[in-house]
Amino acid sequence: MPPKTTSKMAFPRLKDVTLGDNRINSFNLEFLQGLHELANLDLSRNRVSSVPEGIPQTLPALARLDLSNNEIKSIPTELGFMESLNVLALNGNPLRSIGQNVINSGTEALKTLLRERHRPEDIQEPKKGPLTAPCDSEPVVPTNLYQNLPAVIVGSGVVDWGRRAKKQTGGHRFGAPTKDENEELPPLDDQEVWKAVALRGCNVDVPVKKLFLSNHGIEAFPMGVMAFRESLIVLDLSHNKLSQLPNEIDSLSRLEELNLSTNALTSLPVTLSKLSTLAVLILDFNPGLGPELPIEALFKEPLCRSLRELSARGCRLTTLPSASFLSADRMPELQTLNISDNDIGTLEPRLGLCTQIRYVDVKCLLSRFQSA
């Protein structure tokens, strides 16, 4: 940056500096000293290759920093703690350790990632250069084979590897993903690969909170999911071909929502009942689960005391568990019970005593009674 471009003596109250398209090849804070009211700094479309440390101290009021379309490979992690910074534009840079999905997610996602990677002790090691945001450990697994699978969104913790079912023409079944939509999953039981693919370009400590795996035709439960067992709260395995769950399902001890709709389940493991934080369980359209929901898996403690929503549409149920299993004493949090599209002949009158349940869906059952 040329020395005469900005001057603290001439413009001490300067709020906006725009230097885009100037072929600037260095970002030097020396020439911005004293500009404590500067709110906008635009260095876009230049040749800047590095960003100096000390921006929060030198420019404490900076709200917008545009560094897009330069040659920057790393960013000081201290920017993640800069409360005044509302916009950090980094698009169009060859950043090595920040995924494009994070950049596209906005400034807050970027700042969250930088905070998670911040290591104050590194400041005392000049040989390592500026405090940047490197990935702590480069994976030794071939993550390049799974570039179509997005990495975790820092901040929200979402890993969306689900395939979108779309209406098809030309011979494809309605709702079935076409071959070119397929995004191959890592080996189903390789936890190391799952973690490396999900966290590529990120700190290894970034938590995966929500994992979406719908529409992959999975026939066996992917044990790779267990790589995130300490942080996972939402798991979507809908629209697959699962016939059973592993006994190890209780290892997902923080799980709050589990979607297993439209699979081929014929049973549920007793260990499911050990999920003490599970609040939403969706079992819709698993016809093999009929004629009755498994008591030992669903209506035993601690699961029965945490469930808030239980949906079992289209499971070929012919009966419900006794109302005593659904009582407020046994299932105090249960508010929604969806048993529509089944073959249940009668509803136990005592179900009306389950006053904690606010919504019961019995469509088709009622219409059959009305037409009889």
Protein backbone atom coordinates (compact mmCIF):
# COMPACT_ATOMS: atom_id res chain seq x y z
CA MET A 1 0.00 0.00 0.00
CA PRO A 2 1.62 3.34 -1.01
CA PRO A 3 2.58 5.53 1.97
CA LYS A 4 0.71 8.56 0.63
CA THR A 5 -2.56 6.73 0.11
CA THR A 6 -3.78 7.40 3.63
CA SER A 7 -2.41 9.70 6.29
CA LYS A 8 -3.34 9.76 9.94
CA MET A 9 -2.14 13.38 10.15
CA ALA A 10 -4.32 14.58 7.26
CA PHE A 11 -7.43 12.45 7.85
CA PRO A 12 -7.64 11.38 11.51
CA ARG A 13 -11.44 10.97 11.33
CA LEU A 14 -11.53 9.11 8.03
CA LYS A 15 -14.30 6.50 7.95
CA ASP A 16 -14.06 5.04 4.45
CA VAL A 17 -11.00 3.94 2.46
CA THR A 18 -11.58 2.39 -0.97
CA LEU A 19 -8.49 1.09 -2.76
CA GLY A 20 -9.90 -1.53 -5.10
CA ASP A 21 -8.32 -2.17 -8.52
CA ASN A 22 -4.99 -0.52 -7.67
CA ARG A 23 -2.54 -3.41 -8.14
CA ILE A 24 -1.60 -3.20 -4.47
CA ASN A 25 0.57 -6.16 -3.49
CA SER A 26 0.93 -5.63 0.27
CA PHE A 27 -1.39 -4.82 3.18
CA ASN A 28 0.63 -2.65 5.58
CA LEU A 29 -1.03 -1.37 8.74
CA GLU A 30 1.69 1.23 9.23
CA PHE A 31 -0.09 3.62 6.87
CA LEU A 32 -3.41 3.16 8.66
CA GLN A 33 -2.15 4.05 12.12
CA GLY A 34 -4.35 6.55 13.94
CA LEU A 35 -7.48 5.90 11.86
CA HIS A 36 -9.46 4.79 14.89
CA GLU A 37 -12.80 5.73 13.30
CA LEU A 38 -12.27 3.88 10.02
CA ALA A 39 -15.37 1.75 9.38
CA ASN A 40 -14.88 0.55 5.79
CA LEU A 41 -11.68 -0.70 4.17
CA ASP A 42 -11.93 -1.96 0.58
CA LEU A 43 -8.84 -3.68 -0.85
CA SER A 44 -10.69 -5.85 -3.34
CA ARG A 45 -9.31 -6.83 -6.74
CA ASN A 46 -5.64 -6.28 -5.92
CA ARG A 47 -2.59 -8.53 -5.50
CA VAL A 48 -2.47 -8.74 -1.72
CA SER A 49 -0.99 -12.09 -0.66
CA SER A 50 -1.04 -11.80 3.13
CA VAL A 51 -3.07 -10.09 5.86
CA PRO A 52 -1.17 -8.62 8.82
CA GLU A 53 -1.88 -9.20 12.47
CA GLY A 54 -3.00 -6.28 14.61
CA ILE A 55 -6.07 -5.16 12.65
CA PRO A 56 -8.38 -5.18 15.73
CA GLN A 57 -5.93 -2.96 17.63
CA THR A 58 -5.13 -0.59 14.75
CA LEU A 59 -8.67 -0.27 13.36
CA PRO A 60 -10.99 -0.82 16.35
CA ALA A 61 -14.09 0.59 14.59
CA LEU A 62 -13.72 -1.44 11.38
CA ALA A 63 -17.11 -2.82 10.35
CA ARG A 64 -16.42 -3.87 6.76
CA LEU A 65 -13.24 -5.39 5.35
CA ASP A 66 -13.32 -6.33 1.68
CA LEU A 67 -10.37 -8.50 0.65
CA SER A 68 -12.10 -10.31 -2.19
CA ASN A 69 -10.28 -11.26 -5.38
CA ASN A 70 -6.71 -11.08 -4.12
CA GLU A 71 -4.01 -13.74 -3.63
CA ILE A 72 -4.55 -14.34 0.09
CA LYS A 73 -3.83 -17.84 1.39
CA SER A 74 -4.46 -17.38 5.12
CA ILE A 75 -6.28 -15.07 7.52
CA PRO A 76 -5.34 -14.02 11.08
CA THR A 77 -7.62 -15.86 13.47
CA GLU A 78 -7.84 -12.80 15.73
CA LEU A 79 -10.39 -11.34 13.29
CA GLY A 80 -12.86 -13.86 14.68
CA PHE A 81 -12.94 -11.92 17.95
CA MET A 82 -13.46 -8.49 16.36
CA GLU A 83 -16.94 -7.48 17.53
CA SER A 84 -17.20 -4.43 15.26
CA LEU A 85 -16.53 -6.46 12.10
CA ASN A 86 -19.86 -7.18 10.40
CA VAL A 87 -18.64 -7.90 6.86
CA LEU A 88 -15.52 -9.88 5.94
CA ALA A 89 -15.36 -10.52 2.19
CA LEU A 90 -12.89 -13.20 1.11
CA ASN A 91 -14.30 -14.58 -2.14
CA GLY A 92 -11.87 -15.11 -4.98
CA ASN A 93 -8.80 -15.93 -2.88
CA PRO A 94 -6.73 -19.16 -2.93
CA LEU A 95 -7.42 -19.85 0.74
CA ARG A 96 -6.01 -23.24 1.71
CA SER A 97 -7.80 -23.95 4.94
CA ILE A 98 -11.20 -22.29 4.69
CA GLY A 99 -13.76 -24.10 2.58
CA GLN A 100 -15.87 -22.24 0.05
CA ASN A 101 -18.98 -23.44 1.88
CA VAL A 102 -17.87 -21.49 4.96
CA ILE A 103 -17.13 -18.37 2.93
CA ASN A 104 -20.53 -18.61 1.26
CA SER A 105 -22.20 -18.96 4.67
CA GLY A 106 -21.30 -15.39 5.58
CA THR A 107 -19.21 -13.39 8.00
CA GLU A 108 -20.54 -14.95 11.21
CA ALA A 109 -19.63 -18.44 9.99
CA LEU A 110 -16.15 -17.20 9.08
CA LYS A 111 -15.65 -15.53 12.45
CA THR A 112 -16.83 -18.64 14.26
CA LEU A 113 -14.31 -20.76 12.35
CA LEU A 114 -11.49 -18.31 13.09
CA ARG A 115 -12.32 -18.27 16.79
CA GLU A 116 -12.31 -22.06 16.92
CA ARG A 117 -8.85 -22.14 15.33
CA HIS A 118 -7.35 -19.37 17.43
CA ARG A 119 -4.28 -20.44 19.42
CA PRO A 120 -2.78 -17.53 21.38
CA GLU A 121 0.38 -19.50 22.21
CA ASP A 122 1.34 -19.54 18.53
CA ILE A 123 2.05 -15.80 18.69
CA GLN A 124 5.32 -16.53 20.49
CA GLU A 125 6.57 -18.71 17.66
CA PRO A 126 7.78 -16.30 14.94
CA LYS A 127 9.06 -19.11 12.76
CA LYS A 128 5.49 -20.07 12.04
CA GLY A 129 4.77 -16.64 10.62
CA PRO A 130 1.48 -14.75 11.08
CA LEU A 131 -1.22 -16.26 13.20
CA THR A 132 -3.29 -17.98 10.57
CA ALA A 133 -6.05 -20.52 10.35
CA PRO A 134 -4.39 -23.81 9.36
CA CYS A 135 -6.11 -27.14 9.59
CA ASP A 136 -4.59 -28.85 12.61
CA SER A 137 -4.01 -32.18 10.95
CA GLU A 138 -4.21 -32.92 7.28
CA PRO A 139 -6.20 -36.11 6.80
CA VAL A 140 -4.33 -39.11 5.50
CA VAL A 141 -7.48 -40.42 3.85
CA PRO A 142 -8.40 -39.67 0.21
CA THR A 143 -11.00 -36.95 0.83
CA ASN A 144 -10.58 -35.76 -2.76
CA LEU A 145 -12.81 -38.67 -3.80
CA TYR A 146 -15.75 -37.01 -2.08
CA GLN A 147 -15.56 -33.42 -3.29
CA ASN A 148 -19.28 -33.44 -4.11
CA LEU A 149 -20.08 -33.95 -0.43
CA PRO A 150 -20.12 -30.61 1.41
CA ALA A 151 -18.01 -30.16 4.52
CA VAL A 152 -19.54 -29.13 7.82
CA ILE A 153 -21.01 -25.64 8.02
CA VAL A 154 -19.12 -24.06 10.89
CA GLY A 155 -21.40 -22.52 13.48
CA SER A 156 -24.54 -24.52 12.71
CA GLY A 157 -22.65 -27.83 12.61
CA VAL A 158 -24.70 -29.06 9.63
CA VAL A 159 -23.38 -31.80 7.33
CA ASP A 160 -25.89 -32.24 4.51
CA TRP A 161 -25.08 -35.31 2.45
CA GLY A 162 -28.71 -36.02 1.64
CA ARG A 163 -29.85 -36.43 -1.94
CA ARG A 164 -32.85 -34.45 -3.03
CA ALA A 165 -35.76 -36.49 -4.38
CA LYS A 166 -37.22 -34.72 -7.39
CA LYS A 167 -40.05 -35.33 -9.78
CA GLN A 168 -38.63 -37.22 -12.74
CA THR A 169 -39.76 -37.83 -16.29
CA GLY A 170 -38.59 -40.16 -19.01
CA GLY A 171 -38.90 -43.45 -17.18
CA HIS A 172 -37.71 -42.47 -13.72
CA ARG A 173 -39.93 -43.27 -10.78
CA PHE A 174 -41.49 -40.21 -9.13
CA GLY A 175 -39.32 -39.09 -6.25
CA ALA A 176 -36.33 -41.30 -7.11
CA PRO A 177 -32.97 -39.56 -7.50
CA THR A 178 -31.36 -40.07 -10.88
CA LYS A 179 -27.91 -41.58 -11.31
CA ASP A 180 -26.23 -38.27 -12.04
CA GLU A 181 -27.59 -36.90 -8.76
CA ASN A 182 -25.76 -39.57 -6.82
CA GLU A 183 -23.11 -38.36 -4.42
CA GLU A 184 -21.21 -41.38 -3.21
CA LEU A 185 -20.85 -41.66 0.53
CA PRO A 186 -17.55 -42.67 2.16
CA PRO A 187 -17.23 -46.36 3.16
CA LEU A 188 -20.23 -46.84 5.43
CA ASP A 189 -18.34 -48.22 8.42
CA ASP A 190 -15.13 -46.17 8.22
CA GLN A 191 -15.43 -43.55 10.96
CA GLU A 192 -12.01 -42.07 10.19
CA VAL A 193 -12.93 -41.33 6.59
CA TRP A 194 -16.35 -39.93 7.53
CA LYS A 195 -14.75 -37.53 9.97
CA ALA A 196 -12.02 -36.48 7.54
CA VAL A 197 -14.50 -35.79 4.73
CA ALA A 198 -16.92 -33.88 6.96
CA LEU A 199 -14.19 -31.78 8.57
CA ARG A 200 -11.88 -31.21 5.60
CA GLY A 201 -10.55 -27.68 5.68
CA CYS A 202 -11.73 -27.30 9.28
CA ASN A 203 -10.39 -27.64 12.77
CA VAL A 204 -10.69 -31.23 13.96
CA ASP A 205 -12.63 -30.02 16.99
CA VAL A 206 -15.51 -28.49 15.01
CA PRO A 207 -18.66 -30.33 16.21
CA VAL A 208 -20.99 -32.04 13.73
CA LYS A 209 -24.47 -31.47 15.15
CA LYS A 210 -26.81 -32.31 12.28
CA LEU A 211 -26.25 -35.05 9.70
CA PHE A 212 -28.53 -35.60 6.69
CA LEU A 213 -28.21 -38.87 4.73
CA SER A 214 -31.55 -39.23 2.94
CA ASN A 215 -32.14 -40.92 -0.43
CA HIS A 216 -28.93 -42.96 -0.70
CA GLY A 217 -30.43 -46.45 -0.85
CA ILE A 218 -28.50 -47.41 2.30
CA GLU A 219 -29.31 -50.99 3.35
CA ALA A 220 -27.20 -51.23 6.52
CA PHE A 221 -26.83 -48.58 9.19
CA PRO A 222 -23.70 -46.53 8.37
CA MET A 223 -21.46 -46.89 11.41
CA GLY A 224 -19.44 -43.95 10.08
CA VAL A 225 -22.11 -41.87 11.81
CA MET A 226 -20.51 -42.87 15.11
CA ALA A 227 -17.58 -40.59 14.30
CA PHE A 228 -19.87 -37.77 15.48
CA ARG A 229 -21.48 -39.54 18.43
CA GLU A 230 -20.24 -37.00 20.98
CA SER A 231 -21.90 -34.02 19.26
CA LEU A 232 -24.71 -35.27 16.98
CA ILE A 233 -28.20 -34.01 17.87
CA VAL A 234 -30.07 -34.53 14.57
CA LEU A 235 -29.78 -37.59 12.31
CA ASP A 236 -31.83 -37.95 9.11
CA LEU A 237 -31.72 -41.40 7.48
CA SER A 238 -35.07 -41.09 5.72
CA HIS A 239 -35.80 -42.61 2.30
CA ASN A 240 -33.27 -45.44 2.46
CA LYS A 241 -33.55 -49.24 2.72
CA LEU A 242 -32.59 -49.86 6.34
CA SER A 243 -34.04 -53.05 7.80
CA GLN A 244 -32.64 -52.65 11.30
CA LEU A 245 -30.67 -50.39 13.61
CA PRO A 246 -27.51 -51.47 15.44
CA ASN A 247 -27.53 -52.13 19.16
CA GLU A 248 -24.88 -49.40 19.36
CA ILE A 249 -27.52 -46.77 18.56
CA ASP A 250 -27.42 -45.75 22.22
CA SER A 251 -23.88 -44.42 21.63
CA LEU A 252 -25.53 -41.36 20.08
CA SER A 253 -26.16 -40.12 23.58
CA ARG A 254 -26.91 -36.49 22.64
CA LEU A 255 -29.36 -37.25 19.86
CA GLU A 256 -32.53 -35.15 19.99
CA GLU A 257 -34.13 -35.92 16.62
CA LEU A 258 -34.05 -39.16 14.60
CA ASN A 259 -35.78 -39.46 11.22
CA LEU A 260 -36.11 -43.04 9.95
CA SER A 261 -39.12 -42.54 7.70
CA THR A 262 -39.53 -44.50 4.47
CA ASN A 263 -37.17 -47.37 5.14
CA ALA A 264 -37.66 -51.14 5.49
CA LEU A 265 -37.41 -51.48 9.27
CA THR A 266 -38.89 -54.64 10.74
CA SER A 267 -37.79 -54.11 14.34
CA LEU A 268 -36.15 -51.63 16.69
CA PRO A 269 -33.37 -52.48 19.16
CA VAL A 270 -34.09 -52.31 22.87
CA THR A 271 -31.07 -50.04 23.22
CA LEU A 272 -33.05 -47.30 21.48
CA SER A 273 -34.83 -46.81 24.78
CA LYS A 274 -31.53 -45.63 26.33
CA LEU A 275 -31.49 -42.39 24.35
CA SER A 276 -32.34 -40.04 27.20
CA THR A 277 -32.34 -36.82 25.13
CA LEU A 278 -34.30 -38.02 22.08
CA ALA A 279 -37.34 -35.76 21.66
CA VAL A 280 -38.48 -36.41 18.07
CA LEU A 281 -38.70 -39.89 16.53
CA ILE A 282 -40.12 -40.29 13.02
CA LEU A 283 -40.85 -43.86 11.88
CA ASP A 284 -43.31 -43.11 9.07
CA PHE A 285 -43.80 -45.62 6.26
CA ASN A 286 -41.92 -48.58 7.65
CA PRO A 287 -44.64 -51.19 6.98
CA GLY A 288 -42.55 -53.97 8.51
CA LEU A 289 -42.91 -52.43 11.98
CA GLY A 290 -46.55 -53.54 12.27
CA PRO A 291 -48.79 -54.77 13.64
CA GLU A 292 -47.70 -53.15 16.94
CA LEU A 293 -44.99 -50.73 17.97
CA PRO A 294 -42.28 -52.42 20.07
CA ILE A 295 -42.91 -51.73 23.75
CA GLU A 296 -39.37 -52.46 24.95
CA ALA A 297 -37.76 -50.09 22.45
CA LEU A 298 -40.13 -47.12 22.62
CA PHE A 299 -42.01 -47.10 25.89
CA LYS A 300 -39.28 -47.78 28.44
CA GLU A 301 -37.18 -45.31 30.40
CA PRO A 302 -35.36 -43.11 29.82
CA LEU A 303 -36.60 -42.66 26.23
CA CYS A 304 -40.27 -42.62 27.18
CA ARG A 305 -39.66 -39.66 29.46
CA SER A 306 -37.95 -37.51 26.82
CA LEU A 307 -40.05 -38.16 23.68
CA ARG A 308 -42.02 -35.10 22.63
CA GLU A 309 -43.12 -36.27 19.18
CA LEU A 310 -43.69 -39.83 17.95
CA SER A 311 -44.80 -40.37 14.36
CA ALA A 312 -45.57 -43.82 12.92
CA ARG A 313 -47.66 -43.15 9.83
CA GLY A 314 -48.15 -45.97 7.36
CA CYS A 315 -46.53 -48.69 9.48
CA ARG A 316 -49.41 -51.19 9.11
CA LEU A 317 -50.25 -50.91 12.77
CA THR A 318 -53.42 -52.66 13.86
CA THR A 319 -53.29 -51.64 17.50
CA LEU A 320 -51.78 -49.10 19.84
CA PRO A 321 -50.02 -49.83 23.10
CA SER A 322 -52.19 -49.64 26.19
CA ALA A 323 -53.04 -46.09 27.25
CA SER A 324 -51.03 -46.74 30.40
CA PHE A 325 -47.86 -46.68 28.28
CA LEU A 326 -48.86 -43.28 26.88
CA SER A 327 -49.92 -41.72 30.18
CA ALA A 328 -48.63 -38.41 31.47
CA ASP A 329 -46.85 -40.22 34.29
CA ARG A 330 -44.96 -42.45 31.88
CA MET A 331 -44.47 -40.06 28.93
CA PRO A 332 -44.69 -36.56 30.45
CA GLU A 333 -43.21 -34.74 27.44
CA LEU A 334 -45.26 -36.44 24.71
CA GLN A 335 -47.27 -33.80 22.83
CA THR A 336 -47.68 -35.20 19.32
CA LEU A 337 -48.72 -38.72 18.32
CA ASN A 338 -49.21 -39.41 14.61
CA ILE A 339 -50.69 -42.83 13.80
CA SER A 340 -52.50 -41.95 10.59
CA ASP A 341 -52.52 -44.19 7.50
CA ASN A 342 -52.60 -47.39 9.56
CA ASP A 343 -55.10 -50.23 10.11
CA ILE A 344 -55.97 -49.51 13.72
CA GLY A 345 -59.52 -50.69 14.38
CA THR A 346 -60.26 -48.97 17.68
CA LEU A 347 -58.88 -46.37 20.03
CA GLU A 348 -58.84 -47.14 23.72
CA PRO A 349 -61.16 -44.70 25.57
CA ARG A 350 -58.53 -44.21 28.27
CA LEU A 351 -56.38 -42.50 25.64
CA GLY A 352 -58.44 -39.43 26.50
CA LEU A 353 -56.81 -39.41 29.93
CA CYS A 354 -53.40 -38.79 28.39
CA THR A 355 -53.84 -35.07 28.84
CA GLN A 356 -50.25 -34.15 28.02
CA ILE A 357 -50.83 -35.17 24.36
CA ARG A 358 -51.99 -32.09 22.47
CA TYR A 359 -52.18 -33.50 18.95
CA VAL A 360 -53.24 -36.98 17.83
CA ASP A 361 -53.45 -37.64 14.09
CA VAL A 362 -55.70 -40.59 13.21
CA LYS A 363 -56.58 -39.72 9.61
CA CYS A 364 -57.84 -42.67 7.53
CA LEU A 365 -58.88 -44.38 10.74
CA LEU A 366 -61.62 -41.83 11.32
CA SER A 367 -62.62 -41.73 7.66
CA ARG A 368 -63.06 -45.50 7.72
CA PHE A 369 -65.34 -45.22 10.74
CA GLN A 370 -67.36 -42.48 9.07
CA SER A 371 -67.87 -44.52 5.89
CA ALA A 372 -68.84 -47.70 7.76
